[in-house]
Amino acid sequence: MERTLVLIKPDGVQRGLVGEVVSRLERRGLKLVAMKLMQIDDALARQHYAEHVDRPFFADLVEFISSSPVVAMVWEADKAVDAVRNTMGETNPVESPMGTIRGDLALDIGRNLIHGSDSPETASREINLFFNPSEIQEYQRNTDLWINE
């Protein structure tokens, strides 16, 4: 099974959309294996967005993601990265189809509610930034037989 990191960003927490986001990912069939409410400090924000360090919006990303608590989660499924990214929608919410998290709940690219890893390699790096191995649960979910062939 593949794992991916998902962050409900400060705008999602502040708008009270945590339950909605979690519910959509659960209904999709993804398995939640780790979750915590946390405040991202400057150092972690800079590590998380390191690939954007030379971009003009880097400082804004760091400031925003550390402005209020986030909900950090690890989700597991076959092709978890693609499943989450399709459920989230496009980075720019106005380009996201209705039925996606961003398409239904967001309007602005800078306030797009949710982050999801963009590849299995990125997911591994990001999960290690936000979680210790002991915080990630291994368990058998009874519904898996009804979700995966």
Protein backbone atom coordinates (compact mmCIF):
# COMPACT_ATOMS: atom_id res chain seq x y z
CA MET A 1 0.00 0.00 0.00
CA GLU A 2 1.12 3.52 -0.77
CA ARG A 3 1.04 6.33 1.79
CA THR A 4 0.66 10.07 1.32
CA LEU A 5 0.74 13.15 3.50
CA VAL A 6 -2.28 15.43 3.62
CA LEU A 7 -2.38 18.77 5.42
CA ILE A 8 -5.58 20.63 6.10
CA LYS A 9 -4.11 24.09 5.90
CA PRO A 10 -4.84 26.99 8.27
CA ASP A 11 -7.78 28.21 6.16
CA GLY A 12 -9.42 24.78 6.32
CA VAL A 13 -8.99 24.59 10.11
CA GLN A 14 -10.18 28.17 10.63
CA ARG A 15 -13.24 27.61 8.42
CA GLY A 16 -14.23 24.47 10.32
CA LEU A 17 -13.79 22.15 7.33
CA VAL A 18 -11.67 19.45 9.01
CA GLY A 19 -14.57 17.02 9.30
CA GLU A 20 -15.65 17.62 5.70
CA VAL A 21 -12.16 16.95 4.33
CA VAL A 22 -11.61 13.84 6.46
CA SER A 23 -15.06 12.56 5.53
CA ARG A 24 -14.43 12.93 1.80
CA LEU A 25 -11.14 11.04 2.01
CA GLU A 26 -12.71 8.28 4.12
CA ARG A 27 -15.69 7.97 1.78
CA ARG A 28 -13.27 7.66 -1.14
CA GLY A 29 -11.90 4.53 0.56
CA LEU A 30 -8.55 5.82 1.80
CA LYS A 31 -7.38 4.53 5.16
CA LEU A 32 -6.33 7.04 7.83
CA VAL A 33 -3.16 5.83 9.59
CA ALA A 34 -1.99 9.01 11.37
CA MET A 35 -3.49 12.36 12.33
CA LYS A 36 -2.63 15.33 14.55
CA LEU A 37 -3.49 18.98 15.05
CA MET A 38 -0.28 20.98 15.13
CA GLN A 39 1.27 24.39 14.75
CA ILE A 40 3.95 24.41 12.05
CA ASP A 41 6.97 26.48 13.05
CA ASP A 42 9.13 28.48 10.65
CA ALA A 43 11.82 25.79 10.40
CA LEU A 44 9.37 23.01 9.51
CA ALA A 45 7.56 25.28 7.04
CA ARG A 46 10.85 26.03 5.28
CA GLN A 47 11.73 22.32 5.10
CA HIS A 48 8.27 21.44 3.83
CA TYR A 49 8.38 24.05 1.05
CA ALA A 50 12.13 23.69 0.32
CA GLU A 51 11.55 23.01 -3.39
CA HIS A 52 10.03 26.51 -3.70
CA VAL A 53 12.84 28.38 -1.92
CA ASP A 54 13.86 30.33 -5.03
CA ARG A 55 10.33 31.26 -6.04
CA PRO A 56 8.93 34.72 -5.29
CA PHE A 57 6.00 33.28 -3.31
CA PHE A 58 8.18 31.20 -0.91
CA ALA A 59 7.98 33.68 1.98
CA ASP A 60 4.18 33.90 1.63
CA LEU A 61 3.87 30.09 1.70
CA VAL A 62 5.96 29.86 4.86
CA GLU A 63 4.06 32.69 6.55
CA PHE A 64 0.65 31.26 5.68
CA ILE A 65 1.26 27.62 6.62
CA SER A 66 2.62 28.71 10.02
CA SER A 67 -0.12 31.31 10.69
CA SER A 68 -2.54 28.95 12.44
CA PRO A 69 -2.82 25.23 13.29
CA VAL A 70 -3.01 22.59 10.57
CA VAL A 71 -4.25 19.01 10.66
CA ALA A 72 -1.50 16.69 9.46
CA MET A 73 -2.52 13.22 8.29
CA VAL A 74 -1.15 10.13 6.64
CA TRP A 75 -3.51 8.24 4.34
CA GLU A 76 -2.95 4.80 2.85
CA ALA A 77 -4.35 3.08 -0.25
CA ASP A 78 -3.34 1.58 -3.55
CA LYS A 79 -2.16 4.67 -5.49
CA ALA A 80 -2.90 6.89 -2.47
CA VAL A 81 -1.08 9.91 -3.94
CA ASP A 82 -3.21 9.95 -7.10
CA ALA A 83 -6.43 9.19 -5.21
CA VAL A 84 -5.87 12.10 -2.82
CA ARG A 85 -4.81 14.52 -5.54
CA ASN A 86 -7.89 13.69 -7.63
CA THR A 87 -10.11 14.12 -4.57
CA MET A 88 -8.47 17.48 -3.76
CA GLY A 89 -8.78 18.99 -7.23
CA GLU A 90 -6.47 21.42 -9.01
CA THR A 91 -4.14 23.75 -7.11
CA ASN A 92 -6.19 26.68 -8.38
CA PRO A 93 -9.70 26.06 -7.00
CA VAL A 94 -11.49 27.88 -9.84
CA GLU A 95 -9.98 25.32 -12.23
CA SER A 96 -11.10 22.40 -10.05
CA PRO A 97 -14.16 20.43 -11.03
CA MET A 98 -17.18 20.48 -8.79
CA GLY A 99 -17.14 17.41 -6.58
CA THR A 100 -13.53 17.94 -5.56
CA ILE A 101 -12.59 19.45 -2.21
CA ARG A 102 -11.14 22.59 -3.77
CA GLY A 103 -13.81 22.83 -6.48
CA ASP A 104 -16.60 22.75 -3.91
CA LEU A 105 -15.05 24.63 -1.00
CA ALA A 106 -12.39 27.10 -2.18
CA LEU A 107 -12.02 30.09 -4.50
CA ASP A 108 -8.45 31.35 -4.19
CA ILE A 109 -5.16 29.64 -5.03
CA GLY A 110 -3.59 31.07 -1.86
CA ARG A 111 -6.42 29.70 0.27
CA ASN A 112 -6.98 26.28 -1.29
CA LEU A 113 -7.57 24.40 1.99
CA ILE A 114 -5.47 21.31 1.54
CA HIS A 115 -2.01 20.01 0.66
CA GLY A 116 -1.35 16.53 -0.70
CA SER A 117 1.99 15.02 -1.67
CA ASP A 118 2.62 15.10 -5.41
CA SER A 119 4.49 11.78 -5.75
CA PRO A 120 5.30 8.69 -3.68
CA GLU A 121 8.87 10.00 -3.23
CA THR A 122 7.66 13.38 -2.01
CA ALA A 123 5.14 11.64 0.24
CA SER A 124 7.89 9.66 1.95
CA ARG A 125 9.94 12.81 2.56
CA GLU A 126 6.94 14.80 3.81
CA ILE A 127 5.62 12.04 6.07
CA ASN A 128 9.04 11.86 7.72
CA LEU A 129 8.97 15.63 8.31
CA PHE A 130 5.62 15.54 10.11
CA PHE A 131 5.47 12.12 11.80
CA ASN A 132 7.68 9.78 13.77
CA PRO A 133 7.27 6.12 12.73
CA SER A 134 5.63 5.36 16.11
CA GLU A 135 2.81 7.83 15.29
CA ILE A 136 1.74 5.89 12.19
CA GLN A 137 -0.65 3.05 12.89
CA GLU A 138 -0.65 -0.38 11.26
CA TYR A 139 -4.06 -2.02 11.49
CA GLN A 140 -6.49 -4.19 9.57
CA ARG A 141 -9.64 -2.33 8.57
CA ASN A 142 -12.66 -4.59 8.17
CA THR A 143 -14.04 -2.58 5.24
CA ASP A 144 -10.90 -3.09 3.14
CA LEU A 145 -12.42 -6.29 1.72
CA TRP A 146 -15.26 -4.17 0.35
CA ILE A 147 -12.99 -1.45 -1.08
CA ASN A 148 -10.08 -3.34 -2.68
CA GLU A 149 -10.37 -6.42 -4.83
